[in-house]
């Protein structure tokens, strides 16, 4: 499985139209003029651009440390990137958390790897909900525009009618939306691969079942690399028997603890749990407790 770090996020630039002195500081007169000319919206945009630029600088250092095999130092740098990144930038947060997960995988810190991958996936879930809401609003606005256009009378000359349909041009907004969806899907696949790997290493019935669910989601994705597809197919063969064995082991341990507890409660009455039989209902999978009448403990 590839564990390369994710995404080369473009850094937003300061608001267009600023002079060099306004961007770099310049002399006192220019500073005063820039402060007077900035609107609250421009100041907010400039602050956001600065924060994202700082975050990206930390991330670039962390990526270099990761490539050099300095995973602990990389984690610290990614943490610094997160600290200055606005927490509502879900895509950027997801990329950073996924990268931290990759570092923990290299260090075989499975629990931390799974936790950070989950945080990345949660951020992508929020982002996709926002993107869906935005798309629905845009579709509603477009539908209203189409209704308004249909209400108008359009006069088409004979020459224009013969000219044929107009050439369709690519919609820049639609192209940007598709690219955004591809980026989200790419980071989601990496985060899922990392969480599934971490869960499969952690073991335990419920955790292994979670790994199986992750690999099933990955199997349904169309953007996996061939090497990742092989890993997914292999794990979907290997993990179910492991999960079943873990379930049986944990169930036996649970019944053992319950038996010890029951014997402690029944002993004053001259009984033990051997006086009762657990009978499984094959139809429902549940159990019933039947008194067998066997001799209890002496």
Protein backbone atom coordinates (compact mmCIF):
# COMPACT_ATOMS: atom_id res chain seq x y z
CA UNK A 1 0.00 0.00 0.00
CA UNK A 2 1.34 3.40 -0.89
CA UNK A 3 2.01 5.59 2.13
CA UNK A 4 3.13 8.73 0.33
CA UNK A 5 1.88 11.97 1.83
CA UNK A 6 -1.04 13.71 0.23
CA UNK A 7 -1.76 16.74 -1.83
CA UNK A 8 0.11 19.78 -2.94
CA UNK A 9 -2.49 22.35 -1.95
CA UNK A 10 -2.28 25.67 -3.79
CA UNK A 11 -1.69 28.59 -1.46
CA UNK A 12 -4.22 31.42 -1.79
CA UNK A 13 -2.59 34.74 -2.73
CA UNK A 14 -3.33 38.10 -1.08
CA UNK A 15 -6.18 40.17 -2.46
CA UNK A 16 -5.63 41.29 -6.03
CA UNK A 17 -4.80 44.93 -6.67
CA UNK A 18 -2.40 45.50 -3.75
CA UNK A 19 0.80 47.34 -4.49
CA UNK A 20 4.13 45.84 -3.56
CA UNK A 21 4.52 48.15 -0.62
CA UNK A 22 1.10 47.09 0.66
CA UNK A 23 2.00 43.41 0.51
CA UNK A 24 5.53 43.63 1.93
CA UNK A 25 5.05 46.43 4.42
CA UNK A 26 6.92 49.20 2.59
CA UNK A 27 7.31 52.55 4.34
CA UNK A 28 4.99 54.03 6.91
CA UNK A 29 2.96 56.10 4.44
CA UNK A 30 2.11 53.09 2.31
CA UNK A 31 1.17 51.04 5.39
CA UNK A 32 -1.23 53.77 6.47
CA UNK A 33 -2.76 53.97 3.01
CA UNK A 34 -3.22 50.19 2.81
CA UNK A 35 -4.96 50.15 6.18
CA UNK A 36 -7.34 52.82 5.03
CA UNK A 37 -8.10 51.11 1.71
CA UNK A 38 -8.75 47.62 3.13
CA UNK A 39 -12.37 46.72 3.69
CA UNK A 40 -13.23 44.21 6.45
CA UNK A 41 -13.74 41.57 3.75
CA UNK A 42 -10.32 42.27 2.24
CA UNK A 43 -8.65 42.13 5.64
CA UNK A 44 -10.34 38.80 6.39
CA UNK A 45 -9.25 37.42 3.00
CA UNK A 46 -5.68 38.61 3.58
CA UNK A 47 -5.59 37.02 7.05
CA UNK A 48 -6.96 33.73 5.70
CA UNK A 49 -4.40 33.70 2.87
CA UNK A 50 -1.60 34.29 5.38
CA UNK A 51 -2.80 31.48 7.67
CA UNK A 52 -3.10 29.01 4.80
CA UNK A 53 0.33 30.02 3.47
CA UNK A 54 1.87 29.37 6.92
CA UNK A 55 0.08 26.02 7.15
CA UNK A 56 1.29 24.99 3.70
CA UNK A 57 4.87 25.97 4.60
CA UNK A 58 4.77 23.70 7.65
CA UNK A 59 3.21 20.92 5.55
CA UNK A 60 5.95 21.19 2.93
CA UNK A 61 8.59 20.77 5.66
CA UNK A 62 6.68 17.81 7.08
CA UNK A 63 6.51 16.16 3.65
CA UNK A 64 10.27 16.46 3.33
CA UNK A 65 10.77 14.95 6.78
CA UNK A 66 8.43 12.08 5.90
CA UNK A 67 10.36 11.36 2.71
CA UNK A 68 13.56 11.31 4.77
CA UNK A 69 12.08 8.73 7.14
CA UNK A 70 11.92 11.18 10.09
CA UNK A 71 8.36 10.29 10.98
CA UNK A 72 8.22 11.69 14.54
CA UNK A 73 9.56 15.04 13.37
CA UNK A 74 7.11 14.98 10.45
CA UNK A 75 4.21 14.45 12.85
CA UNK A 76 5.30 17.50 14.85
CA UNK A 77 5.43 19.62 11.69
CA UNK A 78 2.02 18.41 10.52
CA UNK A 79 0.67 19.32 13.97
CA UNK A 80 2.09 22.82 13.51
CA UNK A 81 0.39 23.02 10.11
CA UNK A 82 -2.93 22.05 11.70
CA UNK A 83 -2.46 24.59 14.49
CA UNK A 84 -2.40 27.53 12.04
CA UNK A 85 -4.91 26.11 9.54
CA UNK A 86 -8.48 27.38 10.03
CA UNK A 87 -10.45 24.39 11.30
CA UNK A 88 -13.33 25.06 8.88
CA UNK A 89 -11.09 24.27 5.89
CA UNK A 90 -12.13 20.63 5.93
CA UNK A 91 -10.20 19.56 2.84
CA UNK A 92 -6.90 20.96 4.11
CA UNK A 93 -7.49 19.42 7.55
CA UNK A 94 -8.30 16.05 5.97
CA UNK A 95 -5.05 16.06 3.97
CA UNK A 96 -2.98 16.87 7.07
CA UNK A 97 -4.69 14.25 9.24
CA UNK A 98 -4.31 11.62 6.54
CA UNK A 99 -0.60 12.42 6.31
CA UNK A 100 -0.23 12.10 10.09
CA UNK A 101 -1.93 8.72 9.85
CA UNK A 102 0.67 7.67 7.27
CA UNK A 103 3.45 8.65 9.71
CA UNK A 104 1.91 6.57 12.51
CA UNK A 105 1.64 3.59 10.17
CA UNK A 106 5.35 3.82 9.47
CA UNK A 107 5.96 3.89 13.24
CA UNK A 108 3.53 0.94 13.71
CA UNK A 109 1.42 3.08 16.05
CA UNK A 110 -1.80 1.52 14.87
CA UNK A 111 -4.27 3.20 17.21
CA UNK A 112 -3.02 6.72 16.43
CA UNK A 113 -2.99 5.88 12.73
CA UNK A 114 -6.63 4.77 12.84
CA UNK A 115 -7.69 7.80 14.91
CA UNK A 116 -6.13 10.35 12.55
CA UNK A 117 -7.48 8.59 9.47
CA UNK A 118 -10.97 8.68 11.01
CA UNK A 119 -10.59 12.43 11.69
CA UNK A 120 -9.63 12.91 8.04
CA UNK A 121 -12.66 10.95 6.83
CA UNK A 122 -14.98 12.90 9.14
CA UNK A 123 -13.68 16.15 7.64
CA UNK A 124 -14.30 14.84 4.12
CA UNK A 125 -17.83 13.81 5.10
CA UNK A 126 -18.55 17.37 6.28
CA UNK A 127 -17.05 18.79 3.10
CA UNK A 128 -19.12 16.53 0.85
CA UNK A 129 -22.31 17.52 2.67
CA UNK A 130 -21.43 21.18 2.13
CA UNK A 131 -20.64 20.57 -1.54
CA UNK A 132 -23.95 18.75 -2.00
CA UNK A 133 -25.93 21.56 -0.38
CA UNK A 134 -24.15 24.12 -2.55
CA UNK A 135 -24.84 22.08 -5.69
CA UNK A 136 -28.53 21.77 -4.80
CA UNK A 137 -28.76 25.54 -4.32
CA UNK A 138 -27.09 26.14 -7.68
CA UNK A 139 -29.42 23.69 -9.41
CA UNK A 140 -32.44 25.39 -7.87
CA UNK A 141 -31.20 28.80 -9.02
CA UNK A 142 -30.56 27.48 -12.53
CA UNK A 143 -34.02 25.90 -12.69
CA UNK A 144 -35.55 29.26 -11.83
CA UNK A 145 -33.49 30.97 -14.52
CA UNK A 146 -34.67 28.39 -17.06
CA UNK A 147 -38.28 29.06 -16.08
CA UNK A 148 -37.77 32.79 -16.51
CA UNK A 149 -36.14 32.26 -19.90
CA UNK A 150 -38.98 30.01 -21.03
CA UNK A 151 -41.48 32.74 -20.22
CA UNK A 152 -39.82 35.14 -22.64
CA UNK A 153 -40.62 35.18 -26.35
CA UNK A 154 -37.61 34.36 -28.47
CA UNK A 155 -37.58 35.38 -32.11
CA UNK A 156 -35.25 33.30 -34.18
CA UNK A 157 -34.52 34.34 -37.73
CA UNK A 158 -34.60 31.79 -40.51
CA UNK A 159 -30.87 32.19 -40.99
CA UNK A 160 -30.14 31.58 -37.34
CA UNK A 161 -32.33 28.48 -37.33
CA UNK A 162 -30.41 27.07 -40.30
CA UNK A 163 -27.08 27.77 -38.62
CA UNK A 164 -27.60 24.83 -36.26
CA UNK A 165 -27.06 24.58 -32.52
CA UNK A 166 -24.49 26.77 -30.83
CA UNK A 167 -21.16 25.21 -29.88
CA UNK A 168 -21.21 24.14 -26.25
CA UNK A 169 -18.36 25.54 -24.19
CA UNK A 170 -16.92 24.03 -21.07
CA UNK A 171 -18.29 25.58 -17.92
CA UNK A 172 -15.32 26.63 -15.73
CA UNK A 173 -17.42 26.25 -12.58
CA UNK A 174 -18.41 22.72 -13.56
CA UNK A 175 -14.79 21.81 -14.33
CA UNK A 176 -13.72 23.14 -10.94
CA UNK A 177 -16.49 21.17 -9.24
CA UNK A 178 -15.41 17.91 -10.93
CA UNK A 179 -11.79 18.50 -9.95
CA UNK A 180 -12.86 19.13 -6.37
CA UNK A 181 -14.80 15.86 -6.31
CA UNK A 182 -11.80 13.98 -7.73
CA UNK A 183 -9.54 15.49 -5.06
CA UNK A 184 -11.94 14.51 -2.28
CA UNK A 185 -12.24 10.96 -3.64
CA UNK A 186 -8.44 10.65 -3.85
CA UNK A 187 -7.87 11.71 -0.23
CA UNK A 188 -10.79 9.55 0.93
CA UNK A 189 -9.23 6.48 -0.70
CA UNK A 190 -5.88 7.13 0.98
CA UNK A 191 -7.44 7.74 4.41
CA UNK A 192 -9.58 4.59 4.10
CA UNK A 193 -6.57 2.50 3.09
CA UNK A 194 -4.64 3.78 6.08
CA UNK A 195 -7.44 3.23 8.56
CA UNK A 196 -8.18 -0.24 7.22
CA UNK A 197 -4.50 -1.20 7.54
CA UNK A 198 -4.33 0.16 11.10
CA UNK A 199 -7.52 -1.64 12.12
CA UNK A 200 -6.35 -4.94 10.64
CA UNK A 201 -3.14 -4.65 12.67
CA UNK A 202 -4.95 -3.71 15.89
CA UNK A 203 -7.12 -6.85 15.83
CA UNK A 204 -10.13 -7.61 17.99
CA UNK A 205 -13.56 -8.62 16.76
CA UNK A 206 -15.21 -5.21 16.38
CA UNK A 207 -12.04 -3.55 15.06
CA UNK A 208 -11.53 -6.27 12.44
CA UNK A 209 -15.16 -5.91 11.39
CA UNK A 210 -14.46 -2.20 10.94
CA UNK A 211 -11.47 -3.01 8.74
CA UNK A 212 -13.64 -5.28 6.62
CA UNK A 213 -16.18 -2.48 6.16
CA UNK A 214 -13.39 -0.09 5.11
CA UNK A 215 -12.05 -2.56 2.55
CA UNK A 216 -15.57 -3.12 1.19
CA UNK A 217 -15.92 0.64 0.65
CA UNK A 218 -12.55 0.68 -1.07
CA UNK A 219 -13.54 -2.24 -3.31
CA UNK A 220 -16.45 -0.13 -4.60
CA UNK A 221 -14.21 2.84 -5.48
CA UNK A 222 -13.01 3.34 -9.04
CA UNK A 223 -9.92 5.45 -8.36
CA UNK A 224 -7.66 2.91 -6.65
CA UNK A 225 -4.20 2.15 -7.95
CA UNK A 226 -3.68 -1.46 -9.15
CA UNK A 227 -1.45 -2.24 -6.15
CA UNK A 228 -4.11 -0.99 -3.74
CA UNK A 229 -6.78 -3.05 -5.49
CA UNK A 230 -4.73 -6.20 -4.91
CA UNK A 231 -4.34 -5.35 -1.23
CA UNK A 232 -8.09 -4.77 -0.89
CA UNK A 233 -8.97 -8.07 -2.57
CA UNK A 234 -6.43 -9.95 -0.46
CA UNK A 235 -7.65 -8.46 2.81
CA UNK A 236 -11.28 -9.20 1.99
CA UNK A 237 -10.28 -12.87 1.76
CA UNK A 238 -8.08 -12.93 4.86
CA UNK A 239 -9.97 -10.78 7.35
CA UNK A 240 -13.40 -12.53 7.65
CA UNK A 241 -11.89 -15.75 9.11
CA UNK A 242 -9.79 -13.65 11.49
CA UNK A 243 -12.85 -11.70 12.59
CA UNK A 244 -14.82 -14.91 13.17
CA UNK A 245 -12.00 -16.41 15.24
CA UNK A 246 -11.77 -13.21 17.27
CA UNK A 247 -15.54 -13.27 17.84
CA UNK A 248 -15.44 -16.84 19.11
CA UNK A 249 -12.49 -16.11 21.38
CA UNK A 250 -14.08 -12.99 22.87
CA UNK A 251 -17.42 -14.76 23.32
CA UNK A 252 -15.72 -17.63 25.16
CA UNK A 253 -13.86 -15.17 27.39
CA UNK A 254 -17.09 -13.32 28.14
CA UNK A 255 -18.93 -16.52 29.08
CA UNK A 256 -15.99 -17.53 31.28
CA UNK A 257 -16.20 -14.27 33.20
CA UNK A 258 -19.98 -14.57 33.52
CA UNK A 259 -19.58 -18.14 34.75
CA UNK A 260 -17.15 -17.07 37.45
CA UNK A 261 -19.54 -14.34 38.53
CA UNK A 262 -22.50 -16.74 38.52
CA UNK A 263 -20.65 -19.33 40.60
CA UNK A 264 -19.92 -16.70 43.21
CA UNK A 265 -23.61 -15.78 43.43
CA UNK A 266 -24.92 -19.39 43.39
CA UNK A 267 -22.44 -20.97 45.80
CA UNK A 268 -24.36 -19.98 49.00
CA UNK A 269 -27.35 -21.91 47.61
CA UNK A 270 -25.37 -25.06 46.89
CA UNK A 271 -25.58 -24.44 43.14
CA UNK A 272 -23.22 -23.55 40.34
CA UNK A 273 -23.49 -22.55 36.74
CA UNK A 274 -23.08 -26.26 35.89
CA UNK A 275 -26.68 -26.62 37.10
CA UNK A 276 -27.79 -24.59 34.05
CA UNK A 277 -27.46 -25.10 30.32
CA UNK A 278 -27.17 -22.36 27.69
CA UNK A 279 -29.24 -23.44 24.67
CA UNK A 280 -28.76 -21.58 21.40
CA UNK A 281 -31.74 -20.89 19.14
CA UNK A 282 -30.46 -21.54 15.61
CA UNK A 283 -33.25 -19.43 14.09
CA UNK A 284 -32.61 -16.25 16.06
CA UNK A 285 -29.02 -16.79 17.17
CA UNK A 286 -30.07 -16.02 20.76
CA UNK A 287 -29.58 -18.13 23.88
CA UNK A 288 -31.93 -19.36 26.61
CA UNK A 289 -30.99 -20.52 30.12
CA UNK A 290 -32.38 -23.91 31.22
CA UNK A 291 -32.09 -25.49 34.66
CA UNK A 292 -30.63 -28.97 34.25
CA UNK A 293 -31.08 -30.18 37.84
CA UNK A 294 -27.45 -31.34 38.02
CA UNK A 295 -25.73 -31.34 41.37
CA UNK A 296 -24.22 -28.05 42.36
CA UNK A 297 -20.92 -27.40 43.99
CA UNK A 298 -20.36 -28.88 47.45
